Protein backbone atom coordinates (compact mmCIF):
# COMPACT_ATOMS: atom_id res chain seq x y z
CA UNK A 1 -16.65 10.74 0.39
CA UNK A 2 -15.03 9.04 3.32
CA UNK A 3 -15.36 5.90 5.38
CA UNK A 4 -13.36 4.53 8.30
CA UNK A 5 -12.61 1.12 9.72
CA UNK A 6 -11.17 0.82 13.23
CA UNK A 7 -8.12 -1.33 13.86
CA UNK A 8 -7.10 -2.11 17.44
CA UNK A 9 -3.66 -0.71 18.13
CA UNK A 10 -1.99 -3.51 20.05
CA UNK A 11 1.61 -2.25 20.01
CA UNK A 12 1.62 1.52 19.90
CA UNK A 13 1.59 3.78 22.93
CA UNK A 14 -0.53 6.96 22.86
CA UNK A 15 0.72 9.21 20.09
CA UNK A 16 -0.59 11.85 17.73
CA UNK A 17 2.26 11.52 15.22
CA UNK A 18 3.13 8.48 13.15
CA UNK A 19 4.56 7.32 9.82
CA UNK A 20 5.06 8.89 6.41
CA UNK A 21 1.86 9.49 4.43
CA UNK A 22 1.20 6.42 2.31
CA UNK A 23 -1.96 6.32 0.19
CA UNK A 24 -3.00 3.32 -1.91
CA UNK A 25 -4.88 4.13 -5.11
CA UNK A 26 -6.94 2.08 -7.56
CA UNK A 27 -9.61 2.86 -10.15
CA UNK A 28 -12.47 1.41 -12.20
CA UNK A 29 -14.21 2.58 -15.38
CA UNK A 30 -17.99 2.65 -15.82
CA UNK A 31 -20.32 3.72 -18.62
CA UNK A 32 -21.36 7.39 -18.79
CA UNK A 33 -22.31 7.99 -22.45
CA UNK A 34 -21.00 7.09 -25.90
CA UNK A 35 -18.36 9.83 -25.81
CA UNK A 36 -17.22 9.82 -22.19
CA UNK A 37 -16.52 7.39 -19.37
CA UNK A 38 -17.13 7.56 -15.66
CA UNK A 39 -13.89 6.92 -13.73
CA UNK A 40 -13.91 6.21 -10.02
CA UNK A 41 -10.62 6.78 -8.23
CA UNK A 42 -10.41 4.83 -4.96
CA UNK A 43 -7.96 5.54 -2.15
CA UNK A 44 -7.16 4.27 1.33
CA UNK A 45 -4.66 5.17 4.04
CA UNK A 46 -4.04 4.56 7.73
CA UNK A 47 -4.70 7.55 9.93
CA UNK A 48 -1.56 6.67 11.89
CA UNK A 49 0.33 8.42 9.05
CA UNK A 50 -1.42 11.71 9.90
CA UNK A 51 -0.90 14.35 12.57
CA UNK A 52 -4.07 15.02 14.55
CA UNK A 53 -4.81 18.42 16.06
CA UNK A 54 -7.17 18.94 18.99
CA UNK A 55 -10.29 20.92 18.05
CA UNK A 56 -11.97 20.74 21.45
CA UNK A 57 -11.74 18.78 24.70
CA UNK A 58 -13.11 15.60 23.12
CA UNK A 59 -12.19 15.70 19.43
CA UNK A 60 -9.17 15.98 17.19
CA UNK A 61 -8.97 16.17 13.42
CA UNK A 62 -6.59 15.66 10.48
CA UNK A 63 -6.93 16.43 6.79
CA UNK A 64 -5.31 15.26 3.57
CA UNK A 65 -5.50 17.43 0.44
CA UNK A 66 -5.64 15.78 -2.99
CA UNK A 67 -4.96 17.10 -6.47
CA UNK A 68 -5.12 15.03 -9.66
CA UNK A 69 -3.95 16.18 -13.10
CA UNK A 70 -4.89 14.12 -16.17
CA UNK A 71 -3.19 15.04 -19.44
CA UNK A 72 -4.81 13.69 -22.61
CA UNK A 73 -1.86 12.41 -24.65
CA UNK A 74 -3.66 12.58 -28.02
CA UNK A 75 -5.46 15.91 -27.62
CA UNK A 76 -3.03 17.69 -25.32
CA UNK A 77 -5.88 18.77 -23.03
CA UNK A 78 -5.82 18.70 -19.24
CA UNK A 79 -8.38 17.70 -16.64
CA UNK A 80 -7.84 18.68 -13.01
CA UNK A 81 -9.66 17.87 -9.79
CA UNK A 82 -8.98 19.05 -6.23
CA UNK A 83 -10.58 17.70 -3.06
CA UNK A 84 -9.78 16.88 0.56
CA UNK A 85 -10.37 14.10 3.07
CA UNK A 86 -11.06 15.33 6.60
CA UNK A 87 -11.09 12.88 9.50
CA UNK A 88 -12.42 13.62 12.98
CA UNK A 89 -11.56 11.31 15.85
CA UNK A 90 -12.43 11.10 19.53
CA UNK A 91 -9.41 11.72 21.72
CA UNK A 92 -10.43 8.72 23.81
CA UNK A 93 -9.94 6.58 20.66
CA UNK A 94 -6.27 7.55 20.30
CA UNK A 95 -5.32 3.92 20.95
CA UNK A 96 -7.12 2.89 17.75
CA UNK A 97 -5.93 3.14 14.17
CA UNK A 98 -8.49 3.99 11.51
CA UNK A 99 -8.36 2.79 7.93
CA UNK A 100 -9.69 5.67 5.84
CA UNK A 101 -11.41 5.09 2.50
CA UNK A 102 -12.57 7.50 -0.18
CA UNK A 103 -13.80 7.82 -3.76
CA UNK A 104 -13.35 10.59 -6.32
CA UNK A 105 -15.52 10.49 -9.44
CA UNK A 106 -14.43 12.09 -12.73
CA UNK A 107 -15.92 12.07 -16.24
CA UNK A 108 -13.33 11.69 -19.03
CA UNK A 109 -13.42 11.41 -22.84
CA UNK A 110 -11.83 8.40 -24.51
CA UNK A 111 -8.04 8.37 -24.81
CA UNK A 112 -4.71 7.76 -23.13
CA UNK A 113 -3.71 9.91 -20.17
CA UNK A 114 -0.68 10.65 -18.08
CA UNK A 115 -1.87 10.97 -14.50
CA UNK A 116 -0.26 12.83 -11.62
CA UNK A 117 -1.76 12.56 -8.14
CA UNK A 118 -0.53 14.77 -5.32
CA UNK A 119 -1.60 14.30 -1.72
CA UNK A 120 -0.33 16.17 1.32
CA UNK A 121 -1.33 16.67 4.92
CA UNK A 122 -3.03 19.99 5.71
CA UNK A 123 -0.62 22.21 7.61
CA UNK A 124 2.27 19.80 7.04
CA UNK A 125 3.19 19.87 3.31
CA UNK A 126 6.35 17.82 3.94
CA UNK A 127 4.16 14.84 4.78
CA UNK A 128 3.17 14.22 1.18
CA UNK A 129 3.09 11.73 -1.65
CA UNK A 130 3.35 12.10 -5.43
CA UNK A 131 2.30 9.38 -7.88
CA UNK A 132 2.60 9.24 -11.66
CA UNK A 133 0.73 6.67 -13.72
CA UNK A 134 -0.66 6.12 -17.20
CA UNK A 135 -4.36 5.50 -17.82
CA UNK A 136 -6.20 4.25 -20.89
CA UNK A 137 -9.89 5.23 -20.99
CA UNK A 138 -12.32 3.36 -23.22
CA UNK A 139 -15.93 4.26 -23.96
CA UNK A 140 -19.07 2.12 -23.92
CA UNK A 141 -21.58 2.46 -26.78
CA UNK A 142 -25.33 1.85 -26.52
CA UNK A 143 -25.40 -1.37 -28.52
CA UNK A 144 -22.47 -3.72 -27.87
CA UNK A 145 -22.70 -6.02 -24.81
CA UNK A 146 -19.75 -5.09 -22.60
CA UNK A 147 -18.28 -5.13 -19.09
CA UNK A 148 -17.08 -2.31 -16.89
CA UNK A 149 -13.74 -2.51 -15.15
CA UNK A 150 -13.70 -4.38 -11.84
CA UNK A 151 -13.89 -2.60 -8.50
CA UNK A 152 -12.14 -4.71 -5.87
CA UNK A 153 -13.98 -4.53 -2.56
CA UNK A 154 -12.89 -4.51 1.04
CA UNK A 155 -16.48 -4.94 2.24
CA UNK A 156 -19.93 -5.25 0.66
CA UNK A 157 -23.05 -4.45 2.70
CA UNK A 158 -26.72 -4.68 1.75
CA UNK A 159 -28.39 -1.28 1.51
CA UNK A 160 -31.27 -2.51 3.66
CA UNK A 161 -28.91 -3.06 6.58
CA UNK A 162 -28.72 0.54 7.68
CA UNK A 163 -25.32 1.73 8.89
CA UNK A 164 -24.86 5.43 9.66
CA UNK A 165 -21.12 5.14 8.96
CA UNK A 166 -21.65 4.23 5.29
CA UNK A 167 -21.69 7.14 2.87
CA UNK A 168 -23.84 7.08 -0.26
CA UNK A 169 -20.68 7.69 -2.28
CA UNK A 170 -20.09 3.93 -1.89
CA UNK A 171 -23.62 3.00 -2.92
CA UNK A 172 -23.94 0.76 -5.99
CA UNK A 173 -27.59 -0.16 -6.58
CA UNK A 174 -28.68 -2.16 -3.55
CA UNK A 175 -25.18 -2.48 -2.07
CA UNK A 176 -22.60 -0.37 -0.31
CA UNK A 177 -19.26 -1.32 -1.87
CA UNK A 178 -16.25 -0.25 0.21
CA UNK A 179 -13.24 -0.35 -2.17
CA UNK A 180 -9.99 -2.20 -1.60
CA UNK A 181 -7.36 0.02 -3.31
CA UNK A 182 -4.47 -1.97 -1.82
CA UNK A 183 -5.68 -5.01 -3.83
CA UNK A 184 -4.57 -7.19 -0.91
CA UNK A 185 -6.60 -10.05 0.57
CA UNK A 186 -5.82 -12.21 3.60
CA UNK A 187 -6.65 -15.65 4.91
CA UNK A 188 -8.32 -14.01 7.93
CA UNK A 189 -11.12 -13.15 5.47
CA UNK A 190 -10.48 -15.47 2.50
CA UNK A 191 -13.09 -14.07 0.14
CA UNK A 192 -12.28 -12.09 -2.99
CA UNK A 193 -15.11 -9.54 -3.15
CA UNK A 194 -15.70 -7.30 -6.15
CA UNK A 195 -18.24 -5.27 -8.12
CA UNK A 196 -18.78 -4.79 -11.88
CA UNK A 197 -21.43 -3.66 -14.33
CA UNK A 198 -22.77 -5.19 -17.55
CA UNK A 199 -24.07 -3.08 -20.43
CA UNK A 200 -26.41 -3.70 -23.38
CA UNK A 201 -27.43 -7.30 -22.76
CA UNK A 202 -30.18 -7.95 -25.34
CA UNK A 203 -33.56 -9.25 -24.28
CA UNK A 204 -33.60 -12.47 -26.29
CA UNK A 205 -33.58 -16.24 -26.03
CA UNK A 206 -29.80 -16.27 -26.21
CA UNK A 207 -27.99 -17.30 -23.07
CA UNK A 208 -25.20 -15.17 -21.66
CA UNK A 209 -22.87 -16.24 -18.88
CA UNK A 210 -19.99 -14.77 -16.89
CA UNK A 211 -16.89 -16.93 -16.95
CA UNK A 212 -14.86 -16.20 -13.83
CA UNK A 213 -11.24 -17.37 -13.65
CA UNK A 214 -8.34 -17.00 -11.20
CA UNK A 215 -4.88 -17.10 -12.80
CA UNK A 216 -1.61 -17.36 -10.92
CA UNK A 217 1.43 -15.17 -11.57
CA UNK A 218 2.51 -17.42 -14.44
CA UNK A 219 -0.95 -17.02 -16.08
CA UNK A 220 -1.95 -20.58 -15.23
CA UNK A 221 -5.61 -21.15 -14.52
CA UNK A 222 -6.24 -22.39 -10.98
CA UNK A 223 -9.97 -21.72 -10.69
CA UNK A 224 -12.84 -21.34 -13.14
CA UNK A 225 -16.62 -21.13 -12.88
CA UNK A 226 -19.63 -20.00 -14.91
CA UNK A 227 -22.41 -17.77 -13.60
CA UNK A 228 -25.63 -16.99 -15.44
CA UNK A 229 -26.42 -13.37 -16.25
CA UNK A 230 -29.75 -11.68 -15.75
CA UNK A 231 -31.88 -11.53 -18.88
CA UNK A 232 -33.03 -7.97 -19.34
CA UNK A 233 -32.28 -4.94 -21.45
CA UNK A 234 -31.19 -2.73 -18.54
CA UNK A 235 -27.62 -2.06 -17.58
CA UNK A 236 -26.95 -3.52 -14.17
CA UNK A 237 -24.28 -3.98 -11.54
CA UNK A 238 -23.42 -7.14 -9.70
CA UNK A 239 -21.36 -8.13 -6.68
CA UNK A 240 -19.56 -11.45 -6.48
CA UNK A 241 -17.37 -13.24 -3.96
CA UNK A 242 -14.83 -15.99 -4.62
CA UNK A 243 -13.36 -18.14 -1.78
CA UNK A 244 -9.55 -18.14 -1.70
CA UNK A 245 -8.92 -20.35 1.34
CA UNK A 246 -7.30 -23.09 -0.79
CA UNK A 247 -5.07 -20.64 -2.69
CA UNK A 248 -1.44 -20.24 -1.51
CA UNK A 249 0.21 -16.88 -0.96
CA UNK A 250 1.06 -15.13 -4.20
CA UNK A 251 0.21 -12.69 -6.98
CA UNK A 252 -2.96 -13.53 -8.94
CA UNK A 253 -5.23 -12.23 -11.68
CA UNK A 254 -9.01 -12.15 -11.63
CA UNK A 255 -10.37 -12.59 -15.17
CA UNK A 256 -14.02 -11.93 -15.96
CA UNK A 257 -15.50 -12.76 -19.37
CA UNK A 258 -18.93 -12.05 -20.82
CA UNK A 259 -19.77 -15.04 -23.03
CA UNK A 260 -22.67 -15.67 -25.39
CA UNK A 261 -23.68 -19.34 -25.23
CA UNK A 262 -24.77 -20.34 -28.74
CA UNK A 263 -23.62 -23.06 -31.11
CA UNK A 264 -20.09 -21.94 -30.36
CA UNK A 265 -19.44 -19.84 -27.24
CA UNK A 266 -18.28 -16.33 -28.10
CA UNK A 267 -16.42 -14.00 -25.73
CA UNK A 268 -18.08 -10.60 -26.12
CA UNK A 269 -15.90 -8.71 -23.64
CA UNK A 270 -13.50 -9.37 -20.79
CA UNK A 271 -11.59 -7.55 -18.06
CA UNK A 272 -8.66 -8.55 -15.85
CA UNK A 273 -7.60 -7.33 -12.39
CA UNK A 274 -4.37 -8.07 -10.52
CA UNK A 275 -4.50 -8.77 -6.77
CA UNK A 276 -2.38 -10.17 -3.94
CA UNK A 277 -3.33 -12.90 -1.50
CA UNK A 278 -1.62 -13.84 1.78
CA UNK A 279 -2.55 -17.25 3.16
CA UNK A 280 -0.98 -18.02 6.53
CA UNK A 281 -2.46 -21.53 6.57
CA UNK A 282 -1.23 -22.83 3.21
CA UNK A 283 2.39 -23.39 2.24
CA UNK A 284 3.34 -21.20 -0.75
CA UNK A 285 3.85 -22.93 -4.08
CA UNK A 286 7.36 -24.13 -4.85
CA UNK A 287 9.51 -21.73 -6.83
CA UNK A 288 10.77 -24.64 -8.89
CA UNK A 289 7.46 -24.51 -10.78
CA UNK A 290 8.38 -21.12 -12.26
CA UNK A 291 11.14 -19.67 -14.40
CA UNK A 292 13.08 -16.63 -13.17
CA UNK A 293 11.21 -14.44 -15.67
CA UNK A 294 7.87 -15.68 -14.33
CA UNK A 295 8.97 -15.10 -10.74
CA UNK A 296 10.11 -11.59 -11.62
CA UNK A 297 6.78 -10.80 -13.30
CA UNK A 298 5.00 -12.06 -10.17
CA UNK A 299 7.07 -9.82 -7.91
CA UNK A 300 6.30 -6.30 -6.71
CA UNK A 301 9.42 -5.02 -8.49
CA UNK A 302 8.04 -5.63 -11.99
CA UNK A 303 5.48 -2.83 -11.60
CA UNK A 304 7.61 -0.27 -9.73
CA UNK A 305 8.04 3.16 -11.27
CA UNK A 306 11.35 5.05 -11.21
CA UNK A 307 10.59 7.04 -8.08
CA UNK A 308 9.46 4.01 -6.11
CA UNK A 309 12.48 1.93 -7.17
CA UNK A 310 14.90 4.67 -6.10
CA UNK A 311 13.09 5.15 -2.80
CA UNK A 312 13.10 1.42 -2.06
CA UNK A 313 16.84 1.12 -2.69
CA UNK A 314 17.46 3.95 -0.24
CA UNK A 315 16.14 1.56 2.40
CA UNK A 316 17.91 -1.49 0.97
CA UNK A 317 21.26 0.36 0.83
CA UNK A 318 21.40 0.08 4.63
CA UNK A 319 22.00 -3.67 4.30
CA UNK A 320 23.57 -3.66 0.81
CA UNK A 321 27.18 -4.57 0.15
CA UNK A 322 29.44 -1.79 -1.20
CA UNK A 323 29.61 -3.49 -4.62
CA UNK A 324 25.80 -3.54 -4.80
CA UNK A 325 25.61 0.17 -4.02
CA UNK A 326 28.20 0.85 -6.71
CA UNK A 327 26.24 -1.22 -9.25
CA UNK A 328 23.01 0.60 -8.43
CA UNK A 329 24.58 4.03 -8.84
CA UNK A 330 25.66 3.12 -12.36
CA UNK A 331 22.14 2.13 -13.45
CA UNK A 332 20.08 4.58 -15.51
CA UNK A 333 17.24 2.50 -17.00
CA UNK A 334 14.14 1.48 -15.03
CA UNK A 335 13.94 -2.16 -16.30
CA UNK A 336 17.49 -2.76 -15.09
CA UNK A 337 16.70 -1.28 -11.69
CA UNK A 338 13.59 -3.47 -11.37
CA UNK A 339 15.60 -6.62 -12.13
CA UNK A 340 18.37 -5.52 -9.78
CA UNK A 341 15.94 -5.12 -6.86
CA UNK A 342 14.38 -8.50 -7.60
CA UNK A 343 17.80 -10.23 -7.59
CA UNK A 344 18.91 -8.23 -4.55
CA UNK A 345 16.26 -10.00 -2.50
CA UNK A 346 16.51 -13.33 -4.33
CA UNK A 347 20.10 -13.67 -3.11
CA UNK A 348 18.95 -13.05 0.47
CA UNK A 349 16.03 -15.48 0.41
CA UNK A 350 16.55 -17.96 3.26
CA UNK A 351 14.20 -20.53 1.68
CA UNK A 352 14.41 -20.46 -2.10
CA UNK A 353 11.91 -23.31 -2.44
CA UNK A 354 8.92 -21.07 -1.66
CA UNK A 355 7.43 -18.08 -3.41
CA UNK A 356 7.55 -16.07 -0.18
CA UNK A 357 10.83 -14.29 0.55
CA UNK A 358 11.17 -14.56 4.30
CA UNK A 359 14.15 -12.18 4.45
CA UNK A 360 12.23 -9.38 2.76
CA UNK A 361 9.14 -10.01 4.88
CA UNK A 362 11.24 -9.55 8.02
CA UNK A 363 12.90 -6.43 6.55
CA UNK A 364 9.52 -4.87 5.66
CA UNK A 365 8.21 -5.59 9.16
CA UNK A 366 11.21 -3.76 10.62
CA UNK A 367 10.56 -0.80 8.34
CA UNK A 368 6.95 -0.60 9.53
CA UNK A 369 8.06 -0.85 13.15
CA UNK A 370 10.64 1.92 12.67
CA UNK A 371 8.13 4.16 10.90
CA UNK A 372 5.70 3.68 13.77
CA UNK A 373 8.01 4.07 16.76
CA UNK A 374 10.99 6.12 15.59
CA UNK A 375 9.29 9.02 13.79
CA UNK A 376 9.48 12.45 15.35
CA UNK A 377 8.13 15.94 14.62
CA UNK A 378 7.75 16.46 10.87
CA UNK A 379 9.98 13.47 10.10
CA UNK A 380 7.59 10.58 9.52
CA UNK A 381 10.18 8.21 8.03
CA UNK A 382 11.33 6.30 11.07
CA UNK A 383 13.56 3.92 9.13
CA UNK A 384 15.70 6.90 8.10
CA UNK A 385 16.64 7.74 11.70
CA UNK A 386 19.65 6.37 13.57
CA UNK A 387 17.58 3.84 15.50
CA UNK A 388 15.81 2.86 12.27
CA UNK A 389 19.10 2.29 10.47
CA UNK A 390 20.49 0.10 13.25
CA UNK A 391 17.25 -1.90 13.43
CA UNK A 392 17.30 -2.57 9.66
CA UNK A 393 21.00 -3.40 9.62
CA UNK A 394 21.32 -5.55 12.73
CA UNK A 395 17.76 -6.56 13.61
CA UNK A 396 16.14 -6.54 17.03
CA UNK A 397 18.59 -6.11 19.94
CA UNK A 398 19.13 -8.88 22.47
CA UNK A 399 18.50 -6.37 25.24
CA UNK A 400 17.11 -2.82 25.18
CA UNK A 401 17.39 -0.45 28.14
CA UNK A 402 15.53 2.88 28.19
CA UNK A 403 16.07 5.82 30.51
CA UNK A 404 13.57 8.68 30.51
CA UNK A 405 14.66 12.29 30.87
CA UNK A 406 15.25 13.13 34.51
CA UNK A 407 15.89 16.66 35.67
CA UNK A 408 18.75 17.97 33.56
CA UNK A 409 19.60 14.51 32.18
CA UNK A 410 18.45 13.71 28.66
CA UNK A 411 16.55 10.54 27.75
CA UNK A 412 18.64 7.78 26.22
CA UNK A 413 18.53 4.17 25.07
CA UNK A 414 21.14 1.42 25.09
CA UNK A 415 20.81 -1.48 22.66
CA UNK A 416 22.88 -4.62 23.21
CA UNK A 417 23.48 -7.33 20.57
CA UNK A 418 24.97 -10.51 22.01
CA UNK A 419 25.52 -12.29 18.67
CA UNK A 420 27.28 -9.50 16.74
CA UNK A 421 31.08 -9.16 16.83
CA UNK A 422 31.25 -10.90 20.20
CA UNK A 423 28.71 -8.52 21.73
CA UNK A 424 28.24 -4.82 20.90
CA UNK A 425 26.30 -1.85 22.26
CA UNK A 426 24.62 1.13 20.64
CA UNK A 427 23.87 4.25 22.69
CA UNK A 428 21.19 6.70 21.49
CA UNK A 429 20.39 10.06 23.12
CA UNK A 430 17.38 12.35 22.62
CA UNK A 431 19.62 15.42 22.32
CA UNK A 432 16.98 17.99 21.35
CA UNK A 433 14.20 16.54 23.49
CA UNK A 434 11.64 15.91 20.71
CA UNK A 435 12.02 12.18 20.19
CA UNK A 436 14.92 12.00 17.73
CA UNK A 437 17.38 9.62 19.39
CA UNK A 438 20.83 10.14 17.85
CA UNK A 439 23.49 7.43 17.84
CA UNK A 440 26.32 8.88 19.94
CA UNK A 441 28.45 5.81 20.61
CA UNK A 442 28.90 2.19 19.64
CA UNK A 443 31.66 -0.36 19.96
CA UNK A 444 30.55 -2.03 16.71
CA UNK A 445 32.95 -1.86 13.77
CA UNK A 446 32.34 1.06 11.44
CA UNK A 447 30.04 2.96 13.82
CA UNK A 448 30.61 6.24 15.69
CA UNK A 449 32.67 5.93 18.89
CA UNK A 450 32.71 8.19 21.93
CA UNK A 451 33.48 6.48 25.21
CA UNK A 452 32.55 9.70 27.04
CA UNK A 453 29.07 9.81 25.44
CA UNK A 454 27.21 9.79 28.75
CA UNK A 455 28.88 12.95 30.07
CA UNK A 456 28.87 14.65 26.66
CA UNK A 457 25.24 14.07 25.72
CA UNK A 458 23.21 12.85 28.67
CA UNK A 459 24.71 15.14 31.33
CA UNK A 460 25.99 18.02 29.18
CA UNK A 461 22.96 20.19 28.42
CA UNK A 462 25.09 22.67 26.48
CA UNK A 463 25.73 20.19 23.68
CA UNK A 464 23.44 21.21 20.83
CA UNK A 465 24.54 18.96 18.05
CA UNK A 466 27.29 16.87 16.51
CA UNK A 467 28.22 15.13 13.32
CA UNK A 468 26.02 12.10 12.80
CA UNK A 469 27.82 9.24 11.12
């Protein structure tokens, strides 16, 4: 049920602890019988969000436990599945990050479902994630020509090319299809890869074709092609790949139609999948081509649920103005919160002519850096530490000096910003000795001040805590 991809860790030092558990999920629906449908739930995560434990001199392991509850809204029934993803890693590979992939297969009757997915690290329940979604399940009869839902792929390999790392759980006919639950594609590999199945194509002289289209965030068609189907009476799966190298960065939709070519073409079935593409070589399309409503619908905020929106603003509140925090606290409806977050970043966009928001990109990169370097113990949310807060609020320091623990002296860091308030310093001390550097002094306005910080917290081993402001 699992698969890993290695990523070279070019920034991180050796560590066994990293960021907050963050799992990306996606799904596809396939035919099972006339009454039920086969759902595949795909997931991926970076193993840098897990805590590895040594199991012998050469190996270490980590495990994530999953639980999914599906409540049938019409019938009031409940389906539940529990499983786990265990990952073993060579200690000598600690300088590598693994992308972990998995699939869970469930058979469901037709209907609408509320879905709750819980995932938590074994032995560390605080490192967890809870998602709530809604799911509509259709069925496929034995007569009508139809299409499955689309499975977006990270990688597609021919079955004949044997690879011991590929599990049969990813096998689709003659291909291993490694899912892409993040739905993100990059110009470093500018090919949109996906898998789908076709059902009940009649064996006749009629011609059937797939019409494949790429739509931008404003539902404008930017690419379209026709591909002939196979003429047989058997259900079959197919993999396709679409080049995206000439597509600018943005939110897009993949639309697949099954069309009967007769006197007048007839669309027999269709399916649509949203995805994201990042093209570092092509300038993003001008925002002036879109209305604000279209830009909002293209943004990540339009699909945020209540929990995600609230969590995101916790981060944004570090750089928010007091009036913005006050406005947020008065909001109770999700649509208003989604619009607020969109406008929050629109006002901070340094180049409003492009779809990309450079200010938010920089902010997100700082969050990732903080989560990687400033986490400690069971706290995996590095942005929510003192060093994380200062990084998000003021950016990277002009100069950073580190002093390791020495004898009875605690470890500390001094950050200097030359361009802020005529030059300011921030002093952080690892008071408890487990990697949580607390801000103990700064000459910046509005920050904690203690000119005797060095003697109080670096030299004074009796100090056990203080009020963090």
